[in-house]
Amino acid sequence: MEMLRTAELSARERNRLLSTDRCRIALEVLTGQSKPLKLETLTMEVATREEGIDATNEDVIERVAVSLRYDYLPRMAELGILDYDSEANLIQTQSRHEVRQSNRGRH
């Protein structure tokens, strides 16, 4: 599988960041995007790919959106992994950073 674009992180930061499926899926969706992605689009992609999530349930979609908007995206932006414009709800990865997909199998 291709490399995910993320910041040069310490092992501890990387482990914490990639410890949830939702965060990993969001990074997978954002990888390779040439222009900013709308939060709504990212939310639907994450919900569709996440196991055990009913992507047709509006309450579930809202919970995914809230977790991305107020937790994962701000943390990743703070670490320099992506650019997140919270006013415009646009997200784009930083093209100069990398983290290997091999982190998926960790506990």
N, C-alpha and C. Protein backbone atom coordinates (compact mmCIF):
# COMPACT_ATOMS: atom_id res chain seq x y z
N MET A 1 0.84 -1.18 0.00
CA MET A 1 0.00 0.00 0.00
C MET A 1 0.88 1.24 0.00
N GLU A 2 0.38 2.35 -0.54
CA GLU A 2 1.20 3.55 -0.66
C GLU A 2 1.46 4.20 0.70
N MET A 3 2.43 5.10 0.71
CA MET A 3 2.79 5.82 1.92
C MET A 3 1.73 6.86 2.23
N LEU A 4 1.46 7.06 3.51
CA LEU A 4 0.60 8.15 3.94
C LEU A 4 1.45 9.38 4.14
N ARG A 5 0.93 10.52 3.83
CA ARG A 5 1.67 11.76 4.02
C ARG A 5 1.31 12.32 5.39
N THR A 6 2.29 12.35 6.27
CA THR A 6 2.11 12.92 7.58
C THR A 6 3.41 13.55 8.02
N ALA A 7 3.41 14.16 9.16
CA ALA A 7 4.58 14.87 9.65
C ALA A 7 5.63 13.92 10.18
N GLU A 8 6.86 14.44 10.31
CA GLU A 8 7.92 13.71 10.98
C GLU A 8 7.60 13.75 12.47
N LEU A 9 7.05 12.67 12.98
CA LEU A 9 6.58 12.62 14.36
C LEU A 9 7.46 11.74 15.20
N SER A 10 7.48 12.01 16.49
CA SER A 10 8.15 11.09 17.40
C SER A 10 7.33 9.81 17.41
N ALA A 11 7.94 8.72 17.85
CA ALA A 11 7.23 7.44 17.89
C ALA A 11 5.99 7.55 18.78
N ARG A 12 6.10 8.23 19.89
CA ARG A 12 4.97 8.37 20.81
C ARG A 12 3.82 9.14 20.15
N GLU A 13 4.13 10.26 19.51
CA GLU A 13 3.10 11.05 18.84
C GLU A 13 2.44 10.26 17.72
N ARG A 14 3.25 9.57 16.94
CA ARG A 14 2.73 8.77 15.83
C ARG A 14 1.82 7.67 16.35
N ASN A 15 2.25 6.98 17.39
CA ASN A 15 1.43 5.91 17.95
C ASN A 15 0.10 6.44 18.46
N ARG A 16 0.14 7.56 19.16
CA ARG A 16 -1.09 8.14 19.69
C ARG A 16 -2.01 8.57 18.56
N LEU A 17 -1.44 9.19 17.57
CA LEU A 17 -2.22 9.70 16.46
C LEU A 17 -2.86 8.57 15.66
N LEU A 18 -2.10 7.53 15.41
CA LEU A 18 -2.60 6.44 14.57
C LEU A 18 -3.25 5.31 15.36
N SER A 19 -3.57 5.57 16.62
CA SER A 19 -4.13 4.52 17.48
C SER A 19 -5.61 4.26 17.20
N THR A 20 -6.24 5.10 16.43
CA THR A 20 -7.66 4.89 16.14
C THR A 20 -7.88 4.66 14.65
N ASP A 21 -8.82 3.80 14.36
CA ASP A 21 -9.17 3.54 12.96
C ASP A 21 -9.64 4.81 12.27
N ARG A 22 -10.44 5.62 12.95
CA ARG A 22 -10.99 6.82 12.32
C ARG A 22 -9.89 7.75 11.83
N CYS A 23 -8.87 7.93 12.64
CA CYS A 23 -7.77 8.80 12.25
C CYS A 23 -7.00 8.22 11.07
N ARG A 24 -6.72 6.93 11.12
CA ARG A 24 -6.00 6.28 10.01
C ARG A 24 -6.80 6.36 8.71
N ILE A 25 -8.10 6.12 8.82
CA ILE A 25 -8.95 6.17 7.63
C ILE A 25 -8.97 7.59 7.06
N ALA A 26 -9.07 8.58 7.93
CA ALA A 26 -9.07 9.98 7.46
C ALA A 26 -7.79 10.29 6.70
N LEU A 27 -6.65 9.83 7.23
CA LEU A 27 -5.38 10.05 6.54
C LEU A 27 -5.33 9.32 5.21
N GLU A 28 -5.88 8.11 5.16
CA GLU A 28 -5.92 7.37 3.90
C GLU A 28 -6.75 8.12 2.86
N VAL A 29 -7.88 8.65 3.28
CA VAL A 29 -8.75 9.40 2.36
C VAL A 29 -8.03 10.64 1.85
N LEU A 30 -7.33 11.33 2.73
CA LEU A 30 -6.66 12.58 2.36
C LEU A 30 -5.41 12.35 1.50
N THR A 31 -4.81 11.18 1.59
CA THR A 31 -3.60 10.89 0.84
C THR A 31 -3.86 10.96 -0.66
N GLY A 32 -3.03 11.69 -1.32
CA GLY A 32 -3.13 11.78 -2.77
C GLY A 32 -4.10 12.83 -3.27
N GLN A 33 -4.79 13.50 -2.38
CA GLN A 33 -5.70 14.57 -2.80
C GLN A 33 -4.88 15.75 -3.27
N SER A 34 -5.17 16.25 -4.44
CA SER A 34 -4.40 17.36 -4.98
C SER A 34 -4.95 18.72 -4.54
N LYS A 35 -6.17 18.75 -4.08
CA LYS A 35 -6.75 20.00 -3.60
C LYS A 35 -7.49 19.74 -2.29
N PRO A 36 -7.79 20.79 -1.56
CA PRO A 36 -8.46 20.61 -0.26
C PRO A 36 -9.78 19.84 -0.38
N LEU A 37 -10.05 19.06 0.64
CA LEU A 37 -11.27 18.25 0.70
C LEU A 37 -12.22 18.88 1.70
N LYS A 38 -13.49 18.90 1.39
CA LYS A 38 -14.49 19.44 2.30
C LYS A 38 -14.68 18.46 3.47
N LEU A 39 -14.94 19.01 4.65
CA LEU A 39 -15.18 18.18 5.83
C LEU A 39 -16.33 17.21 5.59
N GLU A 40 -17.36 17.66 4.93
CA GLU A 40 -18.51 16.80 4.63
C GLU A 40 -18.10 15.59 3.80
N THR A 41 -17.27 15.81 2.80
CA THR A 41 -16.79 14.71 1.95
C THR A 41 -15.91 13.76 2.75
N LEU A 42 -15.00 14.30 3.53
CA LEU A 42 -14.13 13.47 4.37
C LEU A 42 -14.96 12.65 5.35
N THR A 43 -15.95 13.28 5.97
CA THR A 43 -16.82 12.59 6.92
C THR A 43 -17.52 11.41 6.28
N MET A 44 -18.10 11.61 5.11
CA MET A 44 -18.81 10.51 4.43
C MET A 44 -17.86 9.39 4.04
N GLU A 45 -16.66 9.74 3.56
CA GLU A 45 -15.68 8.71 3.20
C GLU A 45 -15.25 7.91 4.42
N VAL A 46 -14.97 8.59 5.51
CA VAL A 46 -14.55 7.90 6.74
C VAL A 46 -15.67 7.00 7.23
N ALA A 47 -16.90 7.51 7.28
CA ALA A 47 -18.03 6.72 7.76
C ALA A 47 -18.27 5.50 6.89
N THR A 48 -18.11 5.65 5.59
CA THR A 48 -18.32 4.54 4.66
C THR A 48 -17.27 3.45 4.83
N ARG A 49 -16.02 3.85 5.10
CA ARG A 49 -14.92 2.89 5.21
C ARG A 49 -14.78 2.27 6.60
N GLU A 50 -15.29 2.94 7.60
CA GLU A 50 -15.11 2.48 8.97
C GLU A 50 -16.03 1.29 9.25
N GLU A 51 -15.44 0.19 9.72
CA GLU A 51 -16.21 -1.01 10.02
C GLU A 51 -17.18 -0.76 11.18
N GLY A 52 -18.38 -1.31 11.04
CA GLY A 52 -19.36 -1.19 12.11
C GLY A 52 -20.09 0.13 12.15
N ILE A 53 -19.87 0.98 11.16
CA ILE A 53 -20.54 2.28 11.11
C ILE A 53 -21.63 2.24 10.05
N ASP A 54 -22.82 2.71 10.43
CA ASP A 54 -23.94 2.81 9.49
C ASP A 54 -23.87 4.18 8.83
N ALA A 55 -23.31 4.22 7.64
CA ALA A 55 -23.08 5.48 6.93
C ALA A 55 -24.37 6.10 6.40
N THR A 56 -25.49 5.43 6.62
CA THR A 56 -26.77 6.00 6.20
C THR A 56 -27.51 6.64 7.37
N ASN A 57 -27.02 6.45 8.59
CA ASN A 57 -27.65 6.99 9.79
C ASN A 57 -27.12 8.41 10.05
N GLU A 58 -28.00 9.39 10.03
CA GLU A 58 -27.58 10.78 10.18
C GLU A 58 -26.91 11.07 11.52
N ASP A 59 -27.37 10.42 12.59
CA ASP A 59 -26.75 10.61 13.90
C ASP A 59 -25.32 10.09 13.92
N VAL A 60 -25.10 8.96 13.26
CA VAL A 60 -23.76 8.38 13.17
C VAL A 60 -22.85 9.30 12.36
N ILE A 61 -23.35 9.80 11.25
CA ILE A 61 -22.58 10.72 10.41
C ILE A 61 -22.20 11.95 11.21
N GLU A 62 -23.13 12.48 11.99
CA GLU A 62 -22.85 13.66 12.79
C GLU A 62 -21.77 13.38 13.84
N ARG A 63 -21.81 12.21 14.47
CA ARG A 63 -20.78 11.85 15.45
C ARG A 63 -19.40 11.74 14.80
N VAL A 64 -19.33 11.19 13.61
CA VAL A 64 -18.06 11.11 12.87
C VAL A 64 -17.58 12.52 12.56
N ALA A 65 -18.47 13.37 12.07
CA ALA A 65 -18.11 14.75 11.73
C ALA A 65 -17.59 15.50 12.96
N VAL A 66 -18.26 15.35 14.08
CA VAL A 66 -17.86 16.05 15.31
C VAL A 66 -16.49 15.56 15.77
N SER A 67 -16.25 14.25 15.72
CA SER A 67 -14.95 13.73 16.17
C SER A 67 -13.83 14.21 15.26
N LEU A 68 -14.09 14.31 13.97
CA LEU A 68 -13.09 14.84 13.05
C LEU A 68 -12.88 16.33 13.28
N ARG A 69 -13.95 17.07 13.32
CA ARG A 69 -13.90 18.54 13.41
C ARG A 69 -13.26 19.03 14.70
N TYR A 70 -13.59 18.40 15.82
CA TYR A 70 -13.15 18.93 17.11
C TYR A 70 -12.02 18.15 17.78
N ASP A 71 -11.67 17.00 17.24
CA ASP A 71 -10.61 16.20 17.85
C ASP A 71 -9.49 15.91 16.87
N TYR A 72 -9.71 15.02 15.93
CA TYR A 72 -8.64 14.53 15.07
C TYR A 72 -8.03 15.59 14.17
N LEU A 73 -8.84 16.35 13.46
CA LEU A 73 -8.29 17.33 12.53
C LEU A 73 -7.50 18.43 13.23
N PRO A 74 -8.00 19.00 14.33
CA PRO A 74 -7.17 20.00 15.03
C PRO A 74 -5.85 19.44 15.55
N ARG A 75 -5.86 18.20 16.06
CA ARG A 75 -4.61 17.60 16.55
C ARG A 75 -3.63 17.38 15.41
N MET A 76 -4.12 16.87 14.29
CA MET A 76 -3.23 16.65 13.15
C MET A 76 -2.71 17.96 12.60
N ALA A 77 -3.54 19.00 12.59
CA ALA A 77 -3.10 20.32 12.13
C ALA A 77 -2.04 20.87 13.08
N GLU A 78 -2.24 20.69 14.36
CA GLU A 78 -1.27 21.17 15.35
C GLU A 78 0.09 20.50 15.19
N LEU A 79 0.08 19.24 14.79
CA LEU A 79 1.32 18.50 14.58
C LEU A 79 1.92 18.76 13.19
N GLY A 80 1.25 19.53 12.36
CA GLY A 80 1.77 19.86 11.04
C GLY A 80 1.53 18.80 10.00
N ILE A 81 0.61 17.89 10.26
CA ILE A 81 0.31 16.80 9.33
C ILE A 81 -0.57 17.28 8.19
N LEU A 82 -1.45 18.21 8.51
CA LEU A 82 -2.37 18.70 7.50
C LEU A 82 -2.71 20.14 7.77
N ASP A 83 -3.31 20.77 6.77
CA ASP A 83 -3.85 22.10 6.92
C ASP A 83 -5.35 21.95 7.10
N TYR A 84 -5.88 22.55 8.16
CA TYR A 84 -7.31 22.47 8.43
C TYR A 84 -7.86 23.87 8.60
N ASP A 85 -8.69 24.29 7.68
CA ASP A 85 -9.36 25.57 7.76
C ASP A 85 -10.72 25.32 8.38
N SER A 86 -10.82 25.53 9.71
CA SER A 86 -12.05 25.21 10.42
C SER A 86 -13.21 26.12 10.05
N GLU A 87 -12.93 27.33 9.58
CA GLU A 87 -14.00 28.23 9.17
C GLU A 87 -14.61 27.79 7.84
N ALA A 88 -13.76 27.39 6.91
CA ALA A 88 -14.23 26.95 5.60
C ALA A 88 -14.49 25.44 5.56
N ASN A 89 -14.09 24.73 6.64
CA ASN A 89 -14.21 23.27 6.71
C ASN A 89 -13.51 22.58 5.54
N LEU A 90 -12.27 23.01 5.28
CA LEU A 90 -11.45 22.42 4.23
C LEU A 90 -10.19 21.81 4.84
N ILE A 91 -9.80 20.64 4.34
CA ILE A 91 -8.65 19.90 4.85
C ILE A 91 -7.75 19.50 3.70
N GLN A 92 -6.44 19.63 3.91
CA GLN A 92 -5.47 19.16 2.92
C GLN A 92 -4.22 18.70 3.65
N THR A 93 -3.65 17.57 3.23
CA THR A 93 -2.43 17.07 3.85
C THR A 93 -1.25 17.93 3.44
N GLN A 94 -0.22 17.90 4.27
CA GLN A 94 1.04 18.55 3.97
C GLN A 94 1.81 17.60 3.08
N SER A 95 2.23 18.02 1.91
CA SER A 95 2.86 17.12 0.94
C SER A 95 4.29 16.74 1.29
N ARG A 96 4.90 17.42 2.25
CA ARG A 96 6.32 17.15 2.51
C ARG A 96 6.56 16.10 3.60
N HIS A 97 5.52 15.48 4.12
CA HIS A 97 5.67 14.58 5.26
C HIS A 97 5.26 13.15 4.92
N GLU A 98 5.82 12.20 5.68
CA GLU A 98 5.50 10.79 5.43
C GLU A 98 5.48 9.99 6.72
N VAL A 99 4.58 9.01 6.76
CA VAL A 99 4.54 7.98 7.80
C VAL A 99 4.17 6.69 7.10
N ARG A 100 4.81 5.61 7.47
CA ARG A 100 4.56 4.35 6.78
C ARG A 100 3.26 3.71 7.24
N GLN A 101 2.60 3.04 6.30
CA GLN A 101 1.36 2.33 6.55
C GLN A 101 1.57 1.19 7.54
N SER A 102 2.80 0.80 7.78
CA SER A 102 3.08 -0.33 8.65
C SER A 102 2.58 -0.13 10.07
N ASN A 103 2.19 1.05 10.45
CA ASN A 103 1.67 1.30 11.77
C ASN A 103 0.29 0.69 11.98
N ARG A 104 -0.35 0.23 10.96
CA ARG A 104 -1.70 -0.34 11.05
C ARG A 104 -1.79 -1.53 11.98
N GLY A 105 -0.82 -2.39 12.03
CA GLY A 105 -0.90 -3.63 12.79
C GLY A 105 -0.59 -3.49 14.27
N ARG A 106 -0.23 -2.30 14.72
CA ARG A 106 0.12 -2.10 16.13
C ARG A 106 -1.07 -2.21 17.04
N HIS A 107 -0.79 -2.45 18.32
CA HIS A 107 -1.84 -2.49 19.35
C HIS A 107 -1.88 -1.19 20.08
